[in-house]
Every structure is written in C-alpha cells, then in structure tokens.
Amino acid sequence: MTLYNYTIIIILMMLGLHITINDKNLIKKMIGVNIFQASVLLFYIFLGYIKSSLPPILVSNFYLYSNPVPHVLMLTAIVVGIATFSVGLSIAVKIEEKYGIINQDKCM
C-alpha cells in the first residue's frame, strides 16, 4: 500500500513541475505550483503516518503513538499556500489589466 501512495505522490510532483516549467500561461503556472505543493503535503503526511498507532493521548497498555508534528506543520503550509495562491491570482489580474494578456511570452 505504501508504494502505491508514494507512486501517486511522485506522479503528482512530476505533473506539477512539468506544468510550472512548460506552460506560458501564468494562471496555469500557479495551478502547477499548487499541484506540486499538494504532492509535498501528501508526502509529509504519509511520512508521519504509522499503521496501528494511536494519537498521542496517553492510554495505559499501549506503546505506539503517531507524531502529530508533521500534520500540524502541513496545516500551516496549507494556509501559507492558499495565501500565496491568492496573492498570485491578484498579481495575474493586475498583469491582465495592464497588458491585456496573461501569457508569459507576450507580457515581457
């Protein structure tokens, strides 16, 4: 099961990187960055997952607990990613207002 998860993560990473590098449309580039970010978030979440573990609430006669730090850090990364995407969209709107197009080649 874990190889399947990591295979999907690698496919998402490569898809996001490909869209970010090869597409000239600024909105599509931002979507590519978001796909790449989602794959990194999934990667860290799967690293913090331990099969048959409990949340870190102490219970007698149990010794396997999962670490909550990766999940908490990824929640923070999600908030930062949403803020970055919204700022990027507002910049794309301003570029479209000034130049009339959001294609990278024709703006410069």
PDB file of N, CA and C in Angstrom:
ATOM      1  N   MET A   1       0.818  -1.201   0.000  1.00  0.00           N
ATOM      2  CA  MET A   1       0.000   0.000   0.000  1.00  0.00           C
ATOM      3  C   MET A   1       0.859   1.260   0.000  1.00  0.00           C
ATOM      4  N   THR A   2       1.989   1.254   0.690  1.00  0.00           N
ATOM      5  CA  THR A   2       2.795   2.469   0.762  1.00  0.00           C
ATOM      6  C   THR A   2       3.457   2.785  -0.573  1.00  0.00           C
ATOM      7  N   LEU A   3       3.843   1.764  -1.317  1.00  0.00           N
ATOM      8  CA  LEU A   3       4.427   2.037  -2.629  1.00  0.00           C
ATOM      9  C   LEU A   3       3.411   2.690  -3.552  1.00  0.00           C
ATOM     10  N   TYR A   4       2.159   2.313  -3.425  1.00  0.00           N
ATOM     11  CA  TYR A   4       1.108   2.930  -4.217  1.00  0.00           C
ATOM     12  C   TYR A   4       0.980   4.410  -3.856  1.00  0.00           C
ATOM     13  N   ASN A   5       1.016   4.731  -2.568  1.00  0.00           N
ATOM     14  CA  ASN A   5       0.922   6.124  -2.127  1.00  0.00           C
ATOM     15  C   ASN A   5       2.078   6.950  -2.665  1.00  0.00           C
ATOM     16  N   TYR A   6       3.290   6.442  -2.537  1.00  0.00           N
ATOM     17  CA  TYR A   6       4.460   7.189  -2.982  1.00  0.00           C
ATOM     18  C   TYR A   6       4.506   7.303  -4.504  1.00  0.00           C
ATOM     19  N   THR A   7       3.983   6.321  -5.211  1.00  0.00           N
ATOM     20  CA  THR A   7       3.907   6.411  -6.672  1.00  0.00           C
ATOM     21  C   THR A   7       2.988   7.548  -7.092  1.00  0.00           C
ATOM     22  N   ILE A   8       1.840   7.664  -6.444  1.00  0.00           N
ATOM     23  CA  ILE A   8       0.910   8.755  -6.737  1.00  0.00           C
ATOM     24  C   ILE A   8       1.550  10.098  -6.416  1.00  0.00           C
ATOM     25  N   ILE A   9       2.281  10.172  -5.306  1.00  0.00           N
ATOM     26  CA  ILE A   9       2.943  11.423  -4.924  1.00  0.00           C
ATOM     27  C   ILE A   9       3.978  11.827  -5.966  1.00  0.00           C
ATOM     28  N   ILE A  10       4.766  10.874  -6.442  1.00  0.00           N
ATOM     29  CA  ILE A  10       5.788  11.178  -7.449  1.00  0.00           C
ATOM     30  C   ILE A  10       5.137  11.622  -8.754  1.00  0.00           C
ATOM     31  N   ILE A  11       4.040  10.977  -9.146  1.00  0.00           N
ATOM     32  CA  ILE A  11       3.329  11.381 -10.363  1.00  0.00           C
ATOM     33  C   ILE A  11       2.804  12.808 -10.227  1.00  0.00           C
ATOM     34  N   LEU A  12       2.225  13.134  -9.065  1.00  0.00           N
ATOM     35  CA  LEU A  12       1.737  14.496  -8.841  1.00  0.00           C
ATOM     36  C   LEU A  12       2.882  15.509  -8.847  1.00  0.00           C
ATOM     37  N   MET A  13       4.018  15.154  -8.256  1.00  0.00           N
ATOM     38  CA  MET A  13       5.166  16.062  -8.263  1.00  0.00           C
ATOM     39  C   MET A  13       5.645  16.350  -9.676  1.00  0.00           C
ATOM     40  N   MET A  14       5.767  15.303 -10.471  1.00  0.00           N
ATOM     41  CA  MET A  14       6.246  15.489 -11.829  1.00  0.00           C
ATOM     42  C   MET A  14       5.239  16.259 -12.683  1.00  0.00           C
ATOM     43  N   LEU A  15       3.950  16.009 -12.467  1.00  0.00           N
ATOM     44  CA  LEU A  15       2.912  16.745 -13.193  1.00  0.00           C
ATOM     45  C   LEU A  15       2.953  18.227 -12.842  1.00  0.00           C
ATOM     46  N   GLY A  16       3.035  18.552 -11.551  1.00  0.00           N
ATOM     47  CA  GLY A  16       3.101  19.952 -11.131  1.00  0.00           C
ATOM     48  C   GLY A  16       4.350  20.639 -11.636  1.00  0.00           C
ATOM     49  N   LEU A  17       5.486  19.953 -11.580  1.00  0.00           N
ATOM     50  CA  LEU A  17       6.733  20.533 -12.071  1.00  0.00           C
ATOM     51  C   LEU A  17       6.683  20.750 -13.580  1.00  0.00           C
ATOM     52  N   HIS A  18       6.120  19.801 -14.315  1.00  0.00           N
ATOM     53  CA  HIS A  18       6.003  19.928 -15.766  1.00  0.00           C
ATOM     54  C   HIS A  18       5.119  21.122 -16.149  1.00  0.00           C
ATOM     55  N   ILE A  19       3.986  21.262 -15.478  1.00  0.00           N
ATOM     56  CA  ILE A  19       3.087  22.381 -15.774  1.00  0.00           C
ATOM     57  C   ILE A  19       3.761  23.702 -15.438  1.00  0.00           C
ATOM     58  N   THR A  20       4.464  23.765 -14.316  1.00  0.00           N
ATOM     59  CA  THR A  20       5.114  25.003 -13.894  1.00  0.00           C
ATOM     60  C   THR A  20       6.210  25.431 -14.866  1.00  0.00           C
ATOM     61  N   ILE A  21       6.972  24.498 -15.361  1.00  0.00           N
ATOM     62  CA  ILE A  21       8.095  24.836 -16.238  1.00  0.00           C
ATOM     63  C   ILE A  21       7.647  25.087 -17.669  1.00  0.00           C
ATOM     64  N   ASN A  22       6.766  24.259 -18.210  1.00  0.00           N
ATOM     65  CA  ASN A  22       6.492  24.292 -19.643  1.00  0.00           C
ATOM     66  C   ASN A  22       5.330  25.180 -20.077  1.00  0.00           C
ATOM     67  N   ASP A  23       4.437  25.533 -19.184  1.00  0.00           N
ATOM     68  CA  ASP A  23       3.278  26.324 -19.598  1.00  0.00           C
ATOM     69  C   ASP A  23       3.605  27.807 -19.546  1.00  0.00           C
ATOM     70  N   LYS A  24       3.097  28.576 -20.486  1.00  0.00           N
ATOM     71  CA  LYS A  24       3.359  30.011 -20.554  1.00  0.00           C
ATOM     72  C   LYS A  24       2.265  30.837 -19.888  1.00  0.00           C
ATOM     73  N   ASN A  25       1.110  30.259 -19.649  1.00  0.00           N
ATOM     74  CA  ASN A  25       0.004  30.960 -19.015  1.00  0.00           C
ATOM     75  C   ASN A  25       0.281  31.059 -17.507  1.00  0.00           C
ATOM     76  N   LEU A  26       0.195  32.278 -16.962  1.00  0.00           N
ATOM     77  CA  LEU A  26       0.554  32.480 -15.561  1.00  0.00           C
ATOM     78  C   LEU A  26      -0.407  31.780 -14.605  1.00  0.00           C
ATOM     79  N   ILE A  27      -1.682  31.714 -14.943  1.00  0.00           N
ATOM     80  CA  ILE A  27      -2.653  31.029 -14.084  1.00  0.00           C
ATOM     81  C   ILE A  27      -2.352  29.529 -14.061  1.00  0.00           C
ATOM     82  N   LYS A  28      -2.050  28.962 -15.216  1.00  0.00           N
ATOM     83  CA  LYS A  28      -1.720  27.534 -15.262  1.00  0.00           C
ATOM     84  C   LYS A  28      -0.425  27.244 -14.505  1.00  0.00           C
ATOM     85  N   LYS A  29       0.520  28.181 -14.549  1.00  0.00           N
ATOM     86  CA  LYS A  29       1.742  28.008 -13.772  1.00  0.00           C
ATOM     87  C   LYS A  29       1.438  27.958 -12.274  1.00  0.00           C
ATOM     88  N   MET A  30       0.542  28.824 -11.817  1.00  0.00           N
ATOM     89  CA  MET A  30       0.185  28.812 -10.401  1.00  0.00           C
ATOM     90  C   MET A  30      -0.543  27.526 -10.023  1.00  0.00           C
ATOM     91  N   ILE A  31      -1.366  27.013 -10.914  1.00  0.00           N
ATOM     92  CA  ILE A  31      -2.033  25.736 -10.648  1.00  0.00           C
ATOM     93  C   ILE A  31      -1.003  24.608 -10.572  1.00  0.00           C
ATOM     94  N   GLY A  32       0.018  24.663 -11.437  1.00  0.00           N
ATOM     95  CA  GLY A  32       1.096  23.681 -11.375  1.00  0.00           C
ATOM     96  C   GLY A  32       1.846  23.731 -10.060  1.00  0.00           C
ATOM     97  N   VAL A  33       2.100  24.936  -9.563  1.00  0.00           N
ATOM     98  CA  VAL A  33       2.768  25.086  -8.264  1.00  0.00           C
ATOM     99  C   VAL A  33       1.889  24.520  -7.158  1.00  0.00           C
ATOM    100  N   ASN A  34       0.574  24.733  -7.247  1.00  0.00           N
ATOM    101  CA  ASN A  34      -0.329  24.187  -6.236  1.00  0.00           C
ATOM    102  C   ASN A  34      -0.383  22.666  -6.276  1.00  0.00           C
ATOM    103  N   ILE A  35      -0.333  22.078  -7.454  1.00  0.00           N
ATOM    104  CA  ILE A  35      -0.291  20.610  -7.563  1.00  0.00           C
ATOM    105  C   ILE A  35       0.997  20.083  -6.945  1.00  0.00           C
ATOM    106  N   PHE A  36       2.102  20.766  -7.233  1.00  0.00           N
ATOM    107  CA  PHE A  36       3.381  20.369  -6.647  1.00  0.00           C
ATOM    108  C   PHE A  36       3.334  20.489  -5.122  1.00  0.00           C
ATOM    109  N   GLN A  37       2.753  21.572  -4.628  1.00  0.00           N
ATOM    110  CA  GLN A  37       2.644  21.761  -3.185  1.00  0.00           C
ATOM    111  C   GLN A  37       1.775  20.673  -2.556  1.00  0.00           C
ATOM    112  N   ALA A  38       0.690  20.314  -3.210  1.00  0.00           N
ATOM    113  CA  ALA A  38      -0.182  19.266  -2.668  1.00  0.00           C
ATOM    114  C   ALA A  38       0.560  17.937  -2.579  1.00  0.00           C
ATOM    115  N   SER A  39       1.405  17.654  -3.557  1.00  0.00           N
ATOM    116  CA  SER A  39       2.160  16.402  -3.502  1.00  0.00           C
ATOM    117  C   SER A  39       3.166  16.416  -2.353  1.00  0.00           C
ATOM    118  N   VAL A  40       3.791  17.557  -2.092  1.00  0.00           N
ATOM    119  CA  VAL A  40       4.727  17.646  -0.961  1.00  0.00           C
ATOM    120  C   VAL A  40       3.981  17.501   0.359  1.00  0.00           C
ATOM    121  N   LEU A  41       2.797  18.109   0.455  1.00  0.00           N
ATOM    122  CA  LEU A  41       1.992  17.968   1.666  1.00  0.00           C
ATOM    123  C   LEU A  41       1.613  16.510   1.899  1.00  0.00           C
ATOM    124  N   LEU A  42       1.183  15.822   0.854  1.00  0.00           N
ATOM    125  CA  LEU A  42       0.843  14.407   0.985  1.00  0.00           C
ATOM    126  C   LEU A  42       2.058  13.574   1.401  1.00  0.00           C
ATOM    127  N   PHE A  43       3.218  13.909   0.842  1.00  0.00           N
ATOM    128  CA  PHE A  43       4.443  13.195   1.180  1.00  0.00           C
ATOM    129  C   PHE A  43       4.733  13.303   2.681  1.00  0.00           C
ATOM    130  N   TYR A  44       4.676  14.512   3.221  1.00  0.00           N
ATOM    131  CA  TYR A  44       4.944  14.684   4.649  1.00  0.00           C
ATOM    132  C   TYR A  44       3.876  14.039   5.520  1.00  0.00           C
ATOM    133  N   ILE A  45       2.633  14.081   5.083  1.00  0.00           N
ATOM    134  CA  ILE A  45       1.568  13.446   5.866  1.00  0.00           C
ATOM    135  C   ILE A  45       1.763  11.937   5.906  1.00  0.00           C
ATOM    136  N   PHE A  46       2.135  11.338   4.761  1.00  0.00           N
ATOM    137  CA  PHE A  46       2.369   9.893   4.751  1.00  0.00           C
ATOM    138  C   PHE A  46       3.618   9.513   5.534  1.00  0.00           C
ATOM    139  N   LEU A  47       4.610  10.419   5.602  1.00  0.00           N
ATOM    140  CA  LEU A  47       5.779  10.125   6.429  1.00  0.00           C
ATOM    141  C   LEU A  47       5.413  10.076   7.910  1.00  0.00           C
ATOM    142  N   GLY A  48       4.453  10.877   8.340  1.00  0.00           N
ATOM    143  CA  GLY A  48       4.059  10.914   9.738  1.00  0.00           C
ATOM    144  C   GLY A  48       3.070   9.836  10.128  1.00  0.00           C
ATOM    145  N   TYR A  49       2.579   9.063   9.146  1.00  0.00           N
ATOM    146  CA  TYR A  49       1.583   8.033   9.432  1.00  0.00           C
ATOM    147  C   TYR A  49       2.266   6.748   9.900  1.00  0.00           C
ATOM    148  N   ILE A  50       1.756   6.165  10.973  1.00  0.00           N
ATOM    149  CA  ILE A  50       2.234   4.869  11.470  1.00  0.00           C
ATOM    150  C   ILE A  50       1.018   3.953  11.579  1.00  0.00           C
ATOM    151  N   LYS A  51       1.097   2.813  10.917  1.00  0.00           N
ATOM    152  CA  LYS A  51      -0.023   1.873  10.933  1.00  0.00           C
ATOM    153  C   LYS A  51      -0.255   1.339  12.348  1.00  0.00           C
ATOM    154  N   SER A  52      -1.495   1.228  12.729  1.00  0.00           N
ATOM    155  CA  SER A  52      -1.927   0.709  14.031  1.00  0.00           C
ATOM    156  C   SER A  52      -1.450   1.569  15.199  1.00  0.00           C
ATOM    157  N   SER A  53      -1.336   2.857  14.989  1.00  0.00           N
ATOM    158  CA  SER A  53      -0.915   3.732  16.080  1.00  0.00           C
ATOM    159  C   SER A  53      -2.089   4.578  16.542  1.00  0.00           C
ATOM    160  N   LEU A  54      -1.948   5.099  17.732  1.00  0.00           N
ATOM    161  CA  LEU A  54      -2.965   5.971  18.313  1.00  0.00           C
ATOM    162  C   LEU A  54      -2.495   7.419  18.265  1.00  0.00           C
ATOM    163  N   PRO A  55      -3.417   8.347  18.374  1.00  0.00           N
ATOM    164  CA  PRO A  55      -2.993   9.743  18.567  1.00  0.00           C
ATOM    165  C   PRO A  55      -2.238   9.863  19.881  1.00  0.00           C
ATOM    166  N   PRO A  56      -1.426  10.896  20.022  1.00  0.00           N
ATOM    167  CA  PRO A  56      -0.576  10.987  21.227  1.00  0.00           C
ATOM    168  C   PRO A  56      -1.350  11.384  22.483  1.00  0.00           C
ATOM    169  N   ILE A  57      -2.347  10.612  22.815  1.00  0.00           N
ATOM    170  CA  ILE A  57      -3.083  10.757  24.068  1.00  0.00           C
ATOM    171  C   ILE A  57      -2.756   9.510  24.876  1.00  0.00           C
ATOM    172  N   LEU A  58      -2.144   9.691  26.019  1.00  0.00           N
ATOM    173  CA  LEU A  58      -1.633   8.558  26.781  1.00  0.00           C
ATOM    174  C   LEU A  58      -2.752   7.655  27.273  1.00  0.00           C
ATOM    175  N   VAL A  59      -2.629   6.399  26.901  1.00  0.00           N
ATOM    176  CA  VAL A  59      -3.560   5.364  27.323  1.00  0.00           C
ATOM    177  C   VAL A  59      -2.721   4.237  27.917  1.00  0.00           C
ATOM    178  N   SER A  60      -3.192   3.636  29.001  1.00  0.00           N
ATOM    179  CA  SER A  60      -2.417   2.559  29.614  1.00  0.00           C
ATOM    180  C   SER A  60      -2.374   1.341  28.689  1.00  0.00           C
ATOM    181  N   ASN A  61      -1.286   0.605  28.753  1.00  0.00           N
ATOM    182  CA  ASN A  61      -1.064  -0.629  27.985  1.00  0.00           C
ATOM    183  C   ASN A  61      -0.985  -0.399  26.482  1.00  0.00           C
ATOM    184  N   PHE A  62      -0.523   0.760  26.065  1.00  0.00           N
ATOM    185  CA  PHE A  62      -0.313   0.987  24.625  1.00  0.00           C
ATOM    186  C   PHE A  62       0.981   1.770  24.462  1.00  0.00           C
ATOM    187  N   TYR A  63       1.783   1.397  23.482  1.00  0.00           N
ATOM    188  CA  TYR A  63       3.109   1.982  23.365  1.00  0.00           C
ATOM    189  C   TYR A  63       3.390   2.632  22.009  1.00  0.00           C
ATOM    190  N   LEU A  64       2.522   2.486  21.019  1.00  0.00           N
ATOM    191  CA  LEU A  64       2.789   3.013  19.687  1.00  0.00           C
ATOM    192  C   LEU A  64       1.903   4.231  19.422  1.00  0.00           C
ATOM    193  N   TYR A  65       2.534   5.399  19.397  1.00  0.00           N
ATOM    194  CA  TYR A  65       1.815   6.640  19.161  1.00  0.00           C
ATOM    195  C   TYR A  65       2.367   7.310  17.906  1.00  0.00           C
ATOM    196  N   SER A  66       1.497   8.006  17.178  1.00  0.00           N
ATOM    197  CA  SER A  66       1.951   8.737  15.992  1.00  0.00           C
ATOM    198  C   SER A  66       2.390  10.138  16.386  1.00  0.00           C
ATOM    199  N   ASN A  67       3.311  10.682  15.620  1.00  0.00           N
ATOM    200  CA  ASN A  67       3.843  12.013  15.884  1.00  0.00           C
ATOM    201  C   ASN A  67       2.928  13.052  15.236  1.00  0.00           C
ATOM    202  N   PRO A  68       2.383  14.005  15.986  1.00  0.00           N
ATOM    203  CA  PRO A  68       1.465  14.988  15.403  1.00  0.00           C
ATOM    204  C   PRO A  68       2.167  16.165  14.725  1.00  0.00           C
ATOM    205  N   VAL A  69       3.481  16.307  14.904  1.00  0.00           N
ATOM    206  CA  VAL A  69       4.186  17.483  14.386  1.00  0.00           C
ATOM    207  C   VAL A  69       4.110  17.590  12.857  1.00  0.00           C
ATOM    208  N   PRO A  70       4.334  16.517  12.075  1.00  0.00           N
ATOM    209  CA  PRO A  70       4.221  16.678  10.617  1.00  0.00           C
ATOM    210  C   PRO A  70       2.828  17.130  10.171  1.00  0.00           C
ATOM    211  N   HIS A  71       1.800  16.641  10.829  1.00  0.00           N
ATOM    212  CA  HIS A  71       0.444  17.022  10.442  1.00  0.00           C
ATOM    213  C   HIS A  71       0.169  18.485  10.773  1.00  0.00           C
ATOM    214  N   VAL A  72       0.655  18.943  11.915  1.00  0.00           N
ATOM    215  CA  VAL A  72       0.466  20.343  12.304  1.00  0.00           C
ATOM    216  C   VAL A  72       1.236  21.267  11.365  1.00  0.00           C
ATOM    217  N   LEU A  73       2.448  20.880  11.006  1.00  0.00           N
ATOM    218  CA  LEU A  73       3.234  21.697  10.074  1.00  0.00           C
ATOM    219  C   LEU A  73       2.568  21.768   8.697  1.00  0.00           C
ATOM    220  N   MET A  74       1.940  20.693   8.282  1.00  0.00           N
ATOM    221  CA  MET A  74       1.282  20.702   6.979  1.00  0.00           C
ATOM    222  C   MET A  74       0.016  21.555   6.999  1.00  0.00           C
ATOM    223  N   LEU A  75      -0.667  21.630   8.133  1.00  0.00           N
ATOM    224  CA  LEU A  75      -1.800  22.551   8.233  1.00  0.00           C
ATOM    225  C   LEU A  75      -1.336  23.994   8.055  1.00  0.00           C
ATOM    226  N   THR A  76      -0.200  24.331   8.646  1.00  0.00           N
ATOM    227  CA  THR A  76       0.365  25.662   8.461  1.00  0.00           C
ATOM    228  C   THR A  76       0.764  25.889   7.011  1.00  0.00           C
ATOM    229  N   ALA A  77       1.346  24.883   6.375  1.00  0.00           N
ATOM    230  CA  ALA A  77       1.753  25.004   4.974  1.00  0.00           C
ATOM    231  C   ALA A  77       0.544  25.181   4.058  1.00  0.00           C
ATOM    232  N   ILE A  78      -0.581  24.563   4.391  1.00  0.00           N
ATOM    233  CA  ILE A  78      -1.796  24.731   3.596  1.00  0.00           C
ATOM    234  C   ILE A  78      -2.261  26.180   3.654  1.00  0.00           C
ATOM    235  N   VAL A  79      -2.243  26.778   4.833  1.00  0.00           N
ATOM    236  CA  VAL A  79      -2.663  28.175   4.979  1.00  0.00           C
ATOM    237  C   VAL A  79      -1.726  29.100   4.200  1.00  0.00           C
ATOM    238  N   VAL A  80      -0.433  28.868   4.293  1.00  0.00           N
ATOM    239  CA  VAL A  80       0.529  29.689   3.552  1.00  0.00           C
ATOM    240  C   VAL A  80       0.344  29.502   2.052  1.00  0.00           C
ATOM    241  N   GLY A  81       0.070  28.275   1.606  1.00  0.00           N
ATOM    242  CA  GLY A  81      -0.148  28.020   0.181  1.00  0.00           C
ATOM    243  C   GLY A  81      -1.381  28.718  -0.359  1.00  0.00           C
ATOM    244  N   ILE A  82      -2.450  28.741   0.422  1.00  0.00           N
ATOM    245  CA  ILE A  82      -3.672  29.432  -0.008  1.00  0.00           C
ATOM    246  C   ILE A  82      -3.419  30.934  -0.104  1.00  0.00           C
ATOM    247  N   ALA A  83      -2.706  31.489   0.866  1.00  0.00           N
ATOM    248  CA  ALA A  83      -2.401  32.917   0.829  1.00  0.00           C
ATOM    249  C   ALA A  83      -1.514  33.259  -0.368  1.00  0.00           C
ATOM    250  N   THR A  84      -0.518  32.430  -0.638  1.00  0.00           N
ATOM    251  CA  THR A  84       0.361  32.657  -1.782  1.00  0.00           C
ATOM    252  C   THR A  84      -0.400  32.575  -3.096  1.00  0.00           C
ATOM    253  N   PHE A  85      -1.294  31.613  -3.202  1.00  0.00           N
ATOM    254  CA  PHE A  85      -2.081  31.455  -4.430  1.00  0.00           C
ATOM    255  C   PHE A  85      -2.995  32.659  -4.641  1.00  0.00           C
ATOM    256  N   SER A  86      -3.598  33.164  -3.571  1.00  0.00           N
ATOM    257  CA  SER A  86      -4.488  34.315  -3.730  1.00  0.00           C
ATOM    258  C   SER A  86      -3.711  35.570  -4.124  1.00  0.00           C
ATOM    259  N   VAL A  87      -2.521  35.763  -3.576  1.00  0.00           N
ATOM    260  CA  VAL A  87      -1.686  36.898  -3.981  1.00  0.00           C
ATOM    261  C   VAL A  87      -1.251  36.738  -5.437  1.00  0.00           C
ATOM    262  N   GLY A  88      -0.898  35.515  -5.829  1.00  0.00           N
ATOM    263  CA  GLY A  88      -0.526  35.263  -7.224  1.00  0.00           C
ATOM    264  C   GLY A  88      -1.665  35.543  -8.190  1.00  0.00           C
ATOM    265  N   LEU A  89      -2.882  35.158  -7.809  1.00  0.00           N
ATOM    266  CA  LEU A  89      -4.037  35.466  -8.664  1.00  0.00           C
ATOM    267  C   LEU A  89      -4.274  36.957  -8.774  1.00  0.00           C
ATOM    268  N   SER A  90      -4.101  37.687  -7.684  1.00  0.00           N
ATOM    269  CA  SER A  90      -4.296  39.137  -7.757  1.00  0.00           C
ATOM    270  C   SER A  90      -3.225  39.794  -8.623  1.00  0.00           C
ATOM    271  N   ILE A  91      -1.998  39.292  -8.572  1.00  0.00           N
ATOM    272  CA  ILE A  91      -0.939  39.812  -9.454  1.00  0.00           C
ATOM    273  C   ILE A  91      -1.262  39.492 -10.905  1.00  0.00           C
ATOM    274  N   ALA A  92      -1.783  38.299 -11.173  1.00  0.00           N
ATOM    275  CA  ALA A  92      -2.161  37.935 -12.547  1.00  0.00           C
ATOM    276  C   ALA A  92      -3.281  38.837 -13.061  1.00  0.00           C
ATOM    277  N   VAL A  93      -4.217  39.201 -12.189  1.00  0.00           N
ATOM    278  CA  VAL A  93      -5.299  40.114 -12.599  1.00  0.00           C
ATOM    279  C   VAL A  93      -4.720  41.482 -12.939  1.00  0.00           C
ATOM    280  N   LYS A  94      -3.790  41.975 -12.152  1.00  0.00           N
ATOM    281  CA  LYS A  94      -3.166  43.276 -12.430  1.00  0.00           C
ATOM    282  C   LYS A  94      -2.362  43.235 -13.730  1.00  0.00           C
ATOM    283  N   ILE A  95      -1.662  42.136 -13.992  1.00  0.00           N
ATOM    284  CA  ILE A  95      -0.920  41.995 -15.252  1.00  0.00           C
ATOM    285  C   ILE A  95      -1.883  41.986 -16.423  1.00  0.00           C
ATOM    286  N   GLU A  96      -3.013  41.292 -16.266  1.00  0.00           N
ATOM    287  CA  GLU A  96      -4.010  41.242 -17.349  1.00  0.00           C
ATOM    288  C   GLU A  96      -4.626  42.622 -17.574  1.00  0.00           C
ATOM    289  N   GLU A  97      -4.843  43.393 -16.518  1.00  0.00           N
ATOM    290  CA  GLU A  97      -5.384  44.740 -16.675  1.00  0.00           C
ATOM    291  C   GLU A  97      -4.398  45.659 -17.395  1.00  0.00           C
ATOM    292  N   LYS A  98      -3.110  45.526 -17.083  1.00  0.00           N
ATOM    293  CA  LYS A  98      -2.112  46.417 -17.685  1.00  0.00           C
ATOM    294  C   LYS A  98      -1.763  46.027 -19.116  1.00  0.00           C
ATOM    295  N   TYR A  99      -1.548  44.717 -19.367  1.00  0.00           N
ATOM    296  CA  TYR A  99      -1.076  44.271 -20.668  1.00  0.00           C
ATOM    297  C   TYR A  99      -2.163  43.647 -21.538  1.00  0.00           C
ATOM    298  N   GLY A 100      -3.290  43.286 -20.942  1.00  0.00           N
ATOM    299  CA  GLY A 100      -4.377  42.680 -21.704  1.00  0.00           C
ATOM    300  C   GLY A 100      -4.216  41.195 -21.956  1.00  0.00           C
ATOM    301  N   ILE A 101      -3.172  40.587 -21.416  1.00  0.00           N
ATOM    302  CA  ILE A 101      -2.927  39.157 -21.637  1.00  0.00           C
ATOM    303  C   ILE A 101      -2.125  38.618 -20.452  1.00  0.00           C
ATOM    304  N   ILE A 102      -2.287  37.350 -20.137  1.00  0.00           N
ATOM    305  CA  ILE A 102      -1.530  36.746 -19.029  1.00  0.00           C
ATOM    306  C   ILE A 102      -0.556  35.678 -19.529  1.00  0.00           C
ATOM    307  N   ASN A 103      -0.249  35.713 -20.800  1.00  0.00           N
ATOM    308  CA  ASN A 103       0.724  34.787 -21.362  1.00  0.00           C
ATOM    309  C   ASN A 103       2.114  35.313 -21.069  1.00  0.00           C
ATOM    310  N   GLN A 104       2.996  34.482 -20.558  1.00  0.00           N
ATOM    311  CA  GLN A 104       4.319  34.915 -20.118  1.00  0.00           C
ATOM    312  C   GLN A 104       5.169  35.466 -21.255  1.00  0.00           C
ATOM    313  N   ASP A 105       5.131  34.889 -22.421  1.00  0.00           N
ATOM    314  CA  ASP A 105       5.967  35.327 -23.526  1.00  0.00           C
ATOM    315  C   ASP A 105       5.575  36.706 -24.039  1.00  0.00           C
ATOM    316  N   LYS A 106       4.291  36.996 -24.043  1.00  0.00           N
ATOM    317  CA  LYS A 106       3.816  38.247 -24.627  1.00  0.00           C
ATOM    318  C   LYS A 106       3.808  39.405 -23.640  1.00  0.00           C
ATOM    319  N   CYS A 107       3.951  39.123 -22.336  1.00  0.00           N
ATOM    320  CA  CYS A 107       3.968  40.197 -21.331  1.00  0.00           C
ATOM    321  C   CYS A 107       5.306  40.897 -21.286  1.00  0.00           C
ATOM    322  N   MET A 108       6.368  40.196 -21.513  1.00  0.00           N
ATOM    323  CA  MET A 108       7.699  40.752 -21.333  1.00  0.00           C
ATOM    324  C   MET A 108       8.171  41.519 -22.531  1.00  0.00           C
TER     325      MET A 108
END
